[in-house]
Amino acid sequence: MSLGVRDTIEKLGSYGTGGLGYVGGLGYLGLDTLRWMLRGLVGRPKLRLDALSFQMVRVGVKAIGIIALVHLFIGMILAFELAPILEDYGMLSQLATIIVKAVFPQLAPIFAAIVLSGFAGAAIAAELGTMVVSEEILALETMGLNPIRFLVVPRVLACIVMLACLTLVADVVAWAGGLLVYTAALNLRWREFYDVTISVLVARDLWVGLIKSGFFAVLVSLVSCYEGLRVSGGAEGVGRATTRSVVLSIVGIIVCNMILTVFFFYFWPAQA
């Protein structure tokens, strides 16, 4: 076997081993977080509501503006792109159908999660990484305080709750963007757009989007916390962890969405 082929195989093996180790570490963090979360919700010590509310404001409330702006443009872009094609087939009245079926179960949770990964995920990784570098995490452990309970659980819970809320905001704003184009640019009646929306929107569309947002929130928050807690190398390491958390979160969101889409396709298909 040539040296080049052997080096390639060794690199592939190291990537595979590193990937499995990363997934394993992420899984251990997830299980530990779930254990402390359940203890905080139904047992003792109780979850600190002030820490949770602080993280909810930081993660979700402050992201409403950027989420609304992004999804307003998404709704408008969909309307502008699809209107000429639908008009050629005499189906312009079905523009609302396509926007609803594209945004509610797919685009809204995906783009809301991607924005969350850049808006909150990077901040979480940088904050925890800075605490590791400055030995604040070590100080917590020295005082007998579990970092998962005090630092990770509030952030994960806040991401789950607020991403679901942000997804609902994204649904409404993207729909409003389509409505704006339908009435202002195409000079059609808003009532037609509204009536079609009511006729095609079903509970499945909302629930699929919310379920996906829950998975995406867990993924983004755990990846960000994991990257922050394993920082090494000082300020440079914090920067690497921040970048890696965003990149891995976005890749994970797309992969997770594909898996969930296939699952819903077979086990909860959309009705014609």
Protein backbone atom coordinates (compact mmCIF):
# COMPACT_ATOMS: atom_id res chain seq x y z
CA MET A 1 0.00 0.00 0.00
CA SER A 2 1.38 3.39 -1.00
CA LEU A 3 2.13 6.05 1.56
CA GLY A 4 -0.51 8.43 0.15
CA VAL A 5 -3.30 5.85 0.34
CA ARG A 6 -2.33 4.89 3.86
CA ASP A 7 -2.31 8.53 4.98
CA THR A 8 -5.76 9.05 3.45
CA ILE A 9 -7.16 6.01 5.24
CA GLU A 10 -5.63 7.14 8.53
CA LYS A 11 -7.15 10.60 8.14
CA LEU A 12 -10.57 9.16 7.36
CA GLY A 13 -10.25 6.89 10.39
CA SER A 14 -9.28 9.78 12.64
CA TYR A 15 -12.22 11.84 11.36
CA GLY A 16 -14.58 8.95 12.03
CA THR A 17 -13.19 8.37 15.51
CA GLY A 18 -13.34 12.07 16.30
CA GLY A 19 -16.91 12.31 15.03
CA LEU A 20 -18.06 9.36 17.12
CA GLY A 21 -16.30 10.79 20.17
CA TYR A 22 -18.00 14.15 19.62
CA VAL A 23 -21.44 12.57 19.28
CA GLY A 24 -20.77 10.49 22.40
CA GLY A 25 -19.73 13.53 24.41
CA LEU A 26 -22.78 15.43 23.18
CA GLY A 27 -24.97 12.50 24.17
CA TYR A 28 -23.52 12.37 27.69
CA LEU A 29 -24.12 16.11 28.06
CA GLY A 30 -27.68 15.67 26.85
CA LEU A 31 -28.41 12.87 29.33
CA ASP A 32 -26.88 14.81 32.20
CA THR A 33 -28.87 17.89 31.22
CA LEU A 34 -32.10 15.87 31.06
CA ARG A 35 -31.43 14.39 34.50
CA TRP A 36 -30.88 17.78 36.11
CA MET A 37 -33.79 19.26 34.18
CA LEU A 38 -36.22 16.63 35.48
CA ARG A 39 -34.90 17.08 39.02
CA GLY A 40 -35.33 20.82 38.73
CA LEU A 41 -38.90 20.53 37.43
CA VAL A 42 -40.34 17.76 39.64
CA GLY A 43 -37.82 17.22 42.43
CA ARG A 44 -35.14 19.08 44.31
CA PRO A 45 -33.21 21.29 44.01
CA LYS A 46 -35.81 23.31 42.12
CA LEU A 47 -35.00 25.05 38.88
CA ARG A 48 -34.17 28.71 39.41
CA LEU A 49 -36.92 30.62 37.60
CA ASP A 50 -34.97 33.88 37.66
CA ALA A 51 -32.10 32.27 35.74
CA LEU A 52 -34.55 30.70 33.29
CA SER A 53 -36.43 33.96 32.67
CA PHE A 54 -33.15 35.83 32.17
CA GLN A 55 -32.05 33.33 29.53
CA MET A 56 -35.48 33.39 27.85
CA VAL A 57 -35.28 37.15 27.44
CA ARG A 58 -31.70 36.95 26.23
CA VAL A 59 -32.25 34.05 23.84
CA GLY A 60 -35.75 34.72 22.57
CA VAL A 61 -37.18 38.15 23.26
CA LYS A 62 -34.15 39.98 21.90
CA ALA A 63 -34.24 37.84 18.75
CA ILE A 64 -37.83 38.72 17.80
CA GLY A 65 -36.79 41.68 15.65
CA ILE A 66 -34.29 39.80 13.48
CA ILE A 67 -36.58 36.77 13.23
CA ALA A 68 -39.47 38.96 12.07
CA LEU A 69 -37.32 40.81 9.54
CA VAL A 70 -35.86 37.63 8.04
CA HIS A 71 -39.22 35.89 7.70
CA LEU A 72 -40.99 38.94 6.33
CA PHE A 73 -38.53 38.90 3.45
CA ILE A 74 -38.85 35.11 3.08
CA GLY A 75 -42.61 35.41 2.65
CA MET A 76 -42.19 38.24 0.15
CA ILE A 77 -39.51 36.38 -1.81
CA LEU A 78 -41.70 33.27 -2.08
CA ALA A 79 -44.63 35.36 -3.32
CA PHE A 80 -42.59 37.24 -5.93
CA GLU A 81 -40.93 34.07 -7.23
CA LEU A 82 -44.06 31.95 -7.42
CA ALA A 83 -46.56 34.54 -8.66
CA PRO A 84 -45.53 34.52 -12.36
CA ILE A 85 -45.57 30.70 -12.56
CA LEU A 86 -48.93 30.42 -10.83
CA GLU A 87 -50.37 33.16 -13.02
CA ASP A 88 -49.36 31.24 -16.16
CA TYR A 89 -51.44 28.30 -14.95
CA GLY A 90 -54.33 30.44 -13.72
CA MET A 91 -53.65 29.45 -10.12
CA LEU A 92 -52.59 32.76 -8.62
CA SER A 93 -55.24 32.39 -5.93
CA GLN A 94 -53.29 29.37 -4.59
CA LEU A 95 -50.27 31.48 -3.67
CA ALA A 96 -51.38 31.34 -0.04
CA THR A 97 -51.47 27.53 -0.19
CA ILE A 98 -47.84 27.26 -1.24
CA ILE A 99 -46.65 29.81 1.32
CA VAL A 100 -48.51 28.07 4.14
CA LYS A 101 -47.30 24.58 3.19
CA ALA A 102 -43.71 25.76 2.69
CA VAL A 103 -43.37 28.07 5.67
CA PHE A 104 -45.25 26.50 8.56
CA PRO A 105 -43.77 22.97 8.60
CA GLN A 106 -40.42 23.72 6.95
CA LEU A 107 -38.97 27.18 6.41
CA ALA A 108 -40.07 28.88 9.63
CA PRO A 109 -38.53 26.38 12.08
CA ILE A 110 -35.40 25.96 9.95
CA PHE A 111 -34.59 29.65 9.51
CA ALA A 112 -35.63 30.51 13.07
CA ALA A 113 -33.22 27.86 14.35
CA ILE A 114 -30.42 29.07 12.07
CA VAL A 115 -30.90 32.64 13.29
CA LEU A 116 -30.94 31.33 16.87
CA SER A 117 -27.66 29.49 16.30
CA GLY A 118 -25.98 32.71 15.24
CA PHE A 119 -27.78 35.02 17.63
CA ALA A 120 -27.80 32.95 20.83
CA GLY A 121 -25.76 29.82 20.15
CA ALA A 122 -22.56 31.73 19.45
CA ALA A 123 -23.12 33.86 22.55
CA ILE A 124 -23.64 30.77 24.71
CA ALA A 125 -20.48 29.11 23.43
CA ALA A 126 -18.44 32.29 23.91
CA GLU A 127 -19.80 32.91 27.40
CA LEU A 128 -19.20 29.39 28.68
CA GLY A 129 -15.83 29.25 26.95
CA THR A 130 -14.77 32.46 28.66
CA MET A 131 -15.88 31.01 31.99
CA VAL A 132 -13.76 27.92 31.35
CA VAL A 133 -10.71 30.00 30.42
CA SER A 134 -11.10 32.22 33.49
CA GLU A 135 -11.59 29.10 35.67
CA GLU A 136 -15.08 30.11 36.81
CA ILE A 137 -16.35 26.61 35.99
CA LEU A 138 -13.61 25.14 38.17
CA ALA A 139 -14.63 27.52 40.95
CA LEU A 140 -18.25 26.28 40.74
CA GLU A 141 -17.12 22.67 40.99
CA THR A 142 -14.84 23.52 43.92
CA MET A 143 -17.85 24.97 45.78
CA GLY A 144 -19.81 21.78 45.10
CA LEU A 145 -22.10 23.36 42.49
CA ASN A 146 -22.81 21.39 39.33
CA PRO A 147 -22.14 23.48 36.16
CA ILE A 148 -24.72 21.50 34.18
CA ARG A 149 -27.46 22.40 36.64
CA PHE A 150 -26.52 26.08 36.96
CA LEU A 151 -25.34 26.90 33.44
CA VAL A 152 -26.59 24.39 30.89
CA VAL A 153 -30.14 23.55 32.02
CA PRO A 154 -31.48 27.15 32.00
CA ARG A 155 -30.01 27.76 28.54
CA VAL A 156 -31.39 24.55 27.05
CA LEU A 157 -34.86 25.11 28.51
CA ALA A 158 -34.87 28.74 27.38
CA CYS A 159 -33.93 27.72 23.83
CA ILE A 160 -36.70 25.09 23.70
CA VAL A 161 -39.43 27.43 24.93
CA MET A 162 -38.37 30.50 23.01
CA LEU A 163 -37.65 28.79 19.68
CA ALA A 164 -41.21 27.43 19.70
CA CYS A 165 -42.48 30.97 20.29
CA LEU A 166 -40.15 32.39 17.65
CA THR A 167 -41.36 29.78 15.16
CA LEU A 168 -44.94 30.94 15.67
CA VAL A 169 -43.83 34.54 15.15
CA ALA A 170 -41.98 33.47 12.00
CA ASP A 171 -45.11 31.71 10.69
CA VAL A 172 -47.27 34.78 11.07
CA VAL A 173 -44.72 37.26 9.73
CA ALA A 174 -43.82 35.15 6.67
CA TRP A 175 -47.52 34.76 5.90
CA ALA A 176 -47.94 38.52 6.27
CA GLY A 177 -45.06 39.04 3.83
CA GLY A 178 -46.85 36.93 1.24
CA LEU A 179 -50.07 38.79 1.91
CA LEU A 180 -48.29 42.13 1.43
CA VAL A 181 -47.07 41.10 -2.02
CA TYR A 182 -50.47 39.60 -2.88
CA THR A 183 -52.29 42.85 -2.15
CA ALA A 184 -49.74 45.63 -2.81
CA ALA A 185 -47.78 44.20 -5.77
CA LEU A 186 -50.35 41.93 -7.43
CA ASN A 187 -53.35 44.16 -6.67
CA LEU A 188 -55.51 41.28 -5.45
CA ARG A 189 -57.96 41.14 -2.56
CA TRP A 190 -56.58 40.27 0.86
CA ARG A 191 -59.79 38.39 1.68
CA GLU A 192 -59.05 35.78 -1.00
CA PHE A 193 -55.58 35.19 0.44
CA TYR A 194 -57.03 34.88 3.94
CA ASP A 195 -59.83 32.50 2.90
CA VAL A 196 -57.43 30.18 1.08
CA THR A 197 -55.12 30.18 4.10
CA ILE A 198 -57.95 29.20 6.44
CA SER A 199 -59.06 26.43 4.09
CA VAL A 200 -55.62 24.80 3.70
CA LEU A 201 -54.01 25.41 7.09
CA VAL A 202 -54.36 22.32 9.29
CA ALA A 203 -53.14 21.48 12.77
CA ARG A 204 -50.46 19.19 11.33
CA ASP A 205 -48.69 22.12 9.69
CA LEU A 206 -48.40 23.94 13.02
CA TRP A 207 -47.47 20.87 15.06
CA VAL A 208 -44.81 19.65 12.66
CA GLY A 209 -43.13 23.06 12.76
CA LEU A 210 -43.27 23.20 16.55
CA ILE A 211 -41.96 19.65 16.96
CA LYS A 212 -39.07 20.43 14.64
CA SER A 213 -38.34 23.63 16.55
CA GLY A 214 -38.04 21.59 19.75
CA PHE A 215 -35.48 19.25 18.22
CA PHE A 216 -33.57 22.15 16.67
CA ALA A 217 -33.52 24.03 19.97
CA VAL A 218 -32.07 21.04 21.83
CA LEU A 219 -29.48 20.58 19.11
CA VAL A 220 -28.38 24.23 18.99
CA SER A 221 -28.26 24.68 22.76
CA LEU A 222 -26.40 21.42 23.46
CA VAL A 223 -23.84 21.98 20.71
CA SER A 224 -23.22 25.54 21.92
CA CYS A 225 -22.89 24.47 25.56
CA TYR A 226 -20.69 21.51 24.66
CA GLU A 227 -18.36 23.65 22.57
CA GLY A 228 -18.16 26.26 25.31
CA LEU A 229 -17.44 23.78 28.09
CA ARG A 230 -14.63 22.04 26.19
CA VAL A 231 -12.72 25.20 25.29
CA SER A 232 -8.95 25.11 25.60
CA GLY A 233 -6.22 27.45 24.44
CA GLY A 234 -7.33 30.77 25.88
CA ALA A 235 -9.03 33.50 23.84
CA GLU A 236 -8.15 31.82 20.56
CA GLY A 237 -9.89 28.66 21.74
CA VAL A 238 -13.01 30.66 22.61
CA GLY A 239 -13.09 32.04 19.07
CA ARG A 240 -12.71 28.58 17.55
CA ALA A 241 -15.46 27.17 19.75
CA THR A 242 -17.83 30.00 18.85
CA THR A 243 -17.31 29.50 15.12
CA ARG A 244 -17.54 25.71 15.40
CA SER A 245 -20.77 25.89 17.40
CA VAL A 246 -22.51 27.92 14.69
CA VAL A 247 -21.24 25.76 11.81
CA LEU A 248 -22.07 22.46 13.51
CA SER A 249 -25.48 23.76 14.60
CA ILE A 250 -26.44 24.75 11.06
CA VAL A 251 -25.27 21.41 9.63
CA GLY A 252 -27.08 19.58 12.41
CA ILE A 253 -30.29 21.54 11.77
CA ILE A 254 -30.33 20.56 8.10
CA VAL A 255 -29.56 16.89 8.83
CA CYS A 256 -32.11 16.75 11.66
CA ASN A 257 -34.74 18.38 9.43
CA MET A 258 -34.17 15.75 6.76
CA ILE A 259 -34.56 12.93 9.28
CA LEU A 260 -37.73 14.44 10.75
CA THR A 261 -39.18 15.13 7.30
CA VAL A 262 -38.71 11.50 6.31
CA PHE A 263 -40.24 10.39 9.62
CA PHE A 264 -43.32 12.57 9.15
CA PHE A 265 -43.60 11.50 5.50
CA TYR A 266 -44.07 7.88 6.53
CA PHE A 267 -45.76 8.16 9.93
CA TRP A 268 -47.74 11.43 9.72
CA PRO A 269 -48.17 12.26 6.04
CA ALA A 270 -49.84 15.44 4.87
CA GLN A 271 -53.38 14.98 3.66
CA ALA A 272 -54.18 15.84 0.06
